[in-house]
Amino acid sequence: MVIYELPYLPDILEDVVARVNTVFSTRLVDPFNVYFDYGLQNDVTRNIYKKETSTAIPIPGTFPLVWLVMNYSELRGKKIDKYADSSTSLIIGMPTKTEYTMRQRTDNSFKPRLFPIYQEILIQLSLEDWFNRPEIEKIEHTKIDLPYWGCGDANGQNTENLFKNFIDAVQIKDLKLEIENIQNCKPFSNFS
């Protein structure tokens, strides 16, 4: 009897980001790692920063971060040949300096890191078997640039953002993905 692995979006996207990481960590010029996490904001913040510390210094090896924002939805039963239509959001973020101008953010965060990661995520989503290999141009989403995310509250006060620090970010909002039906899914390979 063959038992099939049910599609679980966090696992699928973790694999996608692992491939994104391979692209950037193995390039010859300016290599860097890309990290993945998912969950509610408190879970991700706890993973980024050392527990029981009051400092806003991230643990090495946590940025740039691709965060699968929980909660996400899966619409089931719409198409018989699909497992679900998913709608989710990703945040691609990295620490920034409060004194940076917008031009400095563009030159130090967005162009060398955030935009290339965003583009590579789309490429890897288009190659993902769980999503039936959609064309990049047909991956429906809204892209939002978030410079100096956490730059102030309604009263203009400088306040830290969700990650205890200021970050520059790109949000991939309302990302629509068709997840393949279980009948087309990958079987578990090893049971003992």
Foldseek 3Di string as FASTA:
>chain_A
DFDFDDDDVLVLLQVLQVVLQVVQQPDDPNRDGEEEDEDALVVLLPQQPPPPDPDLDGDPPCPQYKYWYPDKDWDADPDPFFGTKIWTKIKGKDADDLPDDPVRCCVPPVVPHAVSSVVSSLVSLLVRVQQVNDDSVPFDWDKDWQAQPQCADPVRDRDAHSNRHTITIIMGGGGITTGGDRVSGDTDDDDD
